[in-house]
Amino acid sequence: MSNKKILMITGDFTEDYETMVPFQALISVGHTVDAVCPDKKAGDTVATAIHDFEGDQTYTEKPGHRFSLNASFSEVNVEDYDALVIPGGRAPEYLRLNKEVIAMVQHFFTANKPVAAICHGAQLLAAAGVLEGRKCSAYTACQPEVELAKGTYTSIEVDQAVTDGNLVTAPAWPAHPAWLAQFYTLLNN
């Protein structure tokens, strides 16, 4: 596996596991991962949240770790990156309002570079208008957004992932093994 330069767009209240696990896993196999957040620079942190499934109608939320950003959003040149990771949690809800973030996401699809999105990351994909005609899994509450964006919502087990072209998606953090394995395959193509 050759070293790839990967951009991770994150923000406050991103899901803890969906940020930290792929960040560390991708680095552990030799990739460079730049984690950024709008209006923040390298060394700043974002709050994370731990979302769990405890039998309620939706997930519960608890405070997570502080996640340190290692790159500055204002210095990102998407042309320099081979792939994109979009963690879930509540961050995509407001990241999708940022025109620069939307343009960054669109670049990876226009250039047909690998993209991995998990859970609520589909909100950002829908807002960027990149789901039309694509299969996409996400947290079940995001199904209407995927469908309104003319994507095909793929209902799969919470520990599974689906790949459609350059996009790999999954419903939530229990899918990390399948989601990362499929993303590694895209990175090797």
Protein backbone atom coordinates (compact mmCIF):
# COMPACT_ATOMS: atom_id res chain seq x y z
CA MET A 1 0.00 0.00 0.00
CA SER A 2 1.54 3.28 -1.07
CA ASN A 3 1.36 6.27 1.23
CA LYS A 4 -1.62 8.48 0.41
CA LYS A 5 -2.34 11.98 1.64
CA ILE A 6 -5.83 12.03 3.13
CA LEU A 7 -7.96 14.99 4.18
CA MET A 8 -10.34 14.56 7.13
CA ILE A 9 -12.93 17.33 7.54
CA THR A 10 -14.23 17.39 11.09
CA GLY A 11 -15.75 19.78 13.59
CA ASP A 12 -17.14 20.18 17.07
CA PHE A 13 -19.32 17.30 18.23
CA THR A 14 -18.14 14.95 15.57
CA GLU A 15 -18.58 11.36 16.77
CA ASP A 16 -15.54 10.43 18.85
CA TYR A 17 -14.94 6.92 17.45
CA GLU A 18 -15.74 7.97 13.88
CA THR A 19 -13.02 10.59 14.07
CA MET A 20 -10.28 9.02 16.17
CA VAL A 21 -10.41 5.44 14.89
CA PRO A 22 -10.05 6.18 11.14
CA PHE A 23 -7.51 8.94 11.84
CA GLN A 24 -5.30 6.55 13.82
CA ALA A 25 -5.96 3.48 11.64
CA LEU A 26 -5.02 5.27 8.42
CA ILE A 27 -1.83 6.63 9.97
CA SER A 28 -0.96 3.18 11.32
CA VAL A 29 -0.77 1.76 7.79
CA GLY A 30 1.45 4.56 6.50
CA HIS A 31 -0.93 7.22 5.22
CA THR A 32 -0.71 10.91 6.06
CA VAL A 33 -3.98 12.27 7.45
CA ASP A 34 -4.60 16.00 7.81
CA ALA A 35 -7.53 16.68 10.15
CA VAL A 36 -9.05 20.13 9.67
CA CYS A 37 -12.03 22.19 10.80
CA PRO A 38 -13.28 25.51 9.41
CA ASP A 39 -12.01 28.54 11.33
CA LYS A 40 -9.42 26.44 13.19
CA LYS A 41 -5.72 25.84 12.76
CA ALA A 42 -3.23 23.08 13.54
CA GLY A 43 -3.00 22.59 17.30
CA ASP A 44 -6.59 23.66 17.97
CA THR A 45 -9.03 21.04 19.22
CA VAL A 46 -12.62 20.08 18.55
CA ALA A 47 -15.02 18.56 21.03
CA THR A 48 -16.18 15.06 20.21
CA ALA A 49 -19.26 13.21 21.36
CA ILE A 50 -19.78 9.53 22.05
CA HIS A 51 -22.97 8.26 20.47
CA ASP A 52 -24.25 4.94 21.69
CA PHE A 53 -27.19 2.69 21.02
CA GLU A 54 -28.77 1.86 24.37
CA GLY A 55 -32.30 0.83 23.42
CA ASP A 56 -33.78 4.31 23.07
CA GLN A 57 -35.48 5.56 19.90
CA THR A 58 -32.24 7.21 18.83
CA TYR A 59 -28.64 7.25 20.00
CA THR A 60 -27.57 8.77 23.30
CA GLU A 61 -24.82 11.37 23.46
CA LYS A 62 -22.04 11.75 26.01
CA PRO A 63 -18.96 13.99 26.02
CA GLY A 64 -16.00 12.50 24.16
CA HIS A 65 -12.34 13.39 23.98
CA ARG A 66 -10.83 16.62 22.69
CA PHE A 67 -9.48 15.84 19.22
CA SER A 68 -6.37 17.78 18.16
CA LEU A 69 -6.31 19.10 14.63
CA ASN A 70 -2.98 18.66 12.88
CA ALA A 71 -3.51 20.99 9.91
CA SER A 72 -5.01 24.41 9.31
CA PHE A 73 -8.24 24.64 7.34
CA SER A 74 -7.21 27.92 5.69
CA GLU A 75 -4.11 26.24 4.22
CA VAL A 76 -5.86 23.26 2.60
CA ASN A 77 -5.37 22.82 -1.13
CA VAL A 78 -7.59 19.89 -2.09
CA GLU A 79 -5.45 19.23 -5.17
CA ASP A 80 -2.73 18.00 -2.76
CA TYR A 81 -4.90 15.19 -1.35
CA ASP A 82 -5.56 11.68 -2.63
CA ALA A 83 -8.70 10.96 -0.59
CA LEU A 84 -11.29 12.38 1.82
CA VAL A 85 -12.75 11.12 5.11
CA ILE A 86 -15.98 12.55 6.55
CA PRO A 87 -16.74 11.43 10.12
CA GLY A 88 -20.30 11.47 11.44
CA GLY A 89 -21.82 12.89 14.56
CA ARG A 90 -23.38 16.32 14.69
CA ALA A 91 -20.53 18.14 12.90
CA PRO A 92 -21.83 17.44 9.35
CA GLU A 93 -25.05 19.22 10.30
CA TYR A 94 -23.28 22.59 10.40
CA LEU A 95 -20.30 21.80 8.15
CA ARG A 96 -22.78 21.48 5.28
CA LEU A 97 -23.51 25.20 5.65
CA ASN A 98 -19.90 26.14 4.84
CA LYS A 99 -19.39 26.89 1.12
CA GLU A 100 -15.66 26.09 1.29
CA VAL A 101 -16.37 22.67 2.81
CA ILE A 102 -18.98 21.97 0.12
CA ALA A 103 -16.47 22.91 -2.61
CA MET A 104 -13.86 20.63 -1.03
CA VAL A 105 -16.25 17.66 -0.99
CA GLN A 106 -17.28 18.32 -4.59
CA HIS A 107 -13.63 18.35 -5.69
CA PHE A 108 -13.10 14.75 -4.56
CA PHE A 109 -16.09 13.59 -6.60
CA THR A 110 -15.21 15.64 -9.68
CA ALA A 111 -11.67 14.24 -9.53
CA ASN A 112 -12.99 10.72 -8.75
CA LYS A 113 -10.78 10.42 -5.65
CA PRO A 114 -11.71 7.98 -2.84
CA VAL A 115 -14.19 9.28 -0.26
CA ALA A 116 -15.19 7.57 3.00
CA ALA A 117 -18.22 8.91 4.89
CA ILE A 118 -19.88 7.39 7.91
CA CYS A 119 -23.10 7.95 9.86
CA HIS A 120 -24.26 11.58 9.56
CA GLY A 121 -21.48 12.27 7.03
CA ALA A 122 -24.21 11.66 4.43
CA GLN A 123 -25.66 15.06 5.38
CA LEU A 124 -22.55 16.71 4.00
CA LEU A 125 -22.61 14.53 0.86
CA ALA A 126 -26.28 15.39 0.26
CA ALA A 127 -25.64 19.13 0.68
CA ALA A 128 -22.72 18.92 -1.75
CA GLY A 129 -25.00 17.38 -4.37
CA VAL A 130 -22.79 14.35 -4.98
CA LEU A 131 -25.21 11.50 -4.21
CA GLU A 132 -27.37 11.48 -7.33
CA GLY A 133 -27.51 7.93 -8.71
CA ARG A 134 -25.23 6.56 -5.95
CA LYS A 135 -25.79 3.97 -3.25
CA CYS A 136 -25.18 5.44 0.18
CA SER A 137 -25.51 4.05 3.66
CA ALA A 138 -25.78 6.30 6.69
CA TYR A 139 -27.39 6.53 10.09
CA THR A 140 -31.08 5.73 9.50
CA ALA A 141 -32.19 9.28 10.35
CA CYS A 142 -30.26 10.48 7.27
CA GLN A 143 -32.27 8.32 4.83
CA PRO A 144 -34.58 11.20 3.79
CA GLU A 145 -31.61 13.45 2.99
CA VAL A 146 -29.91 10.76 0.90
CA GLU A 147 -33.13 10.20 -1.03
CA LEU A 148 -33.87 13.93 -1.45
CA ALA A 149 -30.35 14.23 -2.91
CA LYS A 150 -31.40 11.54 -5.45
CA GLY A 151 -29.16 8.91 -3.91
CA THR A 152 -30.25 5.36 -3.13
CA TYR A 153 -30.28 4.84 0.61
CA THR A 154 -28.80 1.42 1.36
CA SER A 155 -30.16 -0.13 4.53
CA ILE A 156 -27.49 -2.50 5.85
CA GLU A 157 -26.51 -3.92 9.21
CA VAL A 158 -24.82 -1.43 11.51
CA ASP A 159 -21.50 -3.29 11.17
CA GLN A 160 -21.45 -3.32 7.36
CA ALA A 161 -20.39 -0.84 4.64
CA VAL A 162 -21.19 -0.28 0.98
CA THR A 163 -18.95 0.93 -1.85
CA ASP A 164 -20.27 2.67 -4.97
CA GLY A 165 -17.53 3.84 -7.31
CA ASN A 166 -15.16 6.09 -5.35
CA LEU A 167 -17.50 6.31 -2.32
CA VAL A 168 -17.60 4.01 0.70
CA THR A 169 -20.26 4.63 3.35
CA ALA A 170 -21.46 2.99 6.54
CA PRO A 171 -24.24 3.51 9.10
CA ALA A 172 -22.16 4.01 12.26
CA TRP A 173 -18.93 3.24 14.12
CA PRO A 174 -19.62 -0.51 14.58
CA ALA A 175 -18.87 -0.75 10.84
CA HIS A 176 -15.26 0.42 11.18
CA PRO A 177 -13.72 -2.93 10.15
CA ALA A 178 -15.83 -3.23 6.98
CA TRP A 179 -15.77 0.52 6.19
CA LEU A 180 -12.00 0.86 6.58
CA ALA A 181 -11.31 -2.38 4.67
CA GLN A 182 -13.35 -1.10 1.71
CA PHE A 183 -11.67 2.32 1.93
CA TYR A 184 -8.23 0.65 1.91
CA THR A 185 -9.27 -1.12 -1.30
CA LEU A 186 -10.21 2.21 -2.89
CA LEU A 187 -6.91 3.72 -1.78
CA ASN A 188 -5.00 0.87 -3.44
CA ASN A 189 -6.74 1.25 -6.83
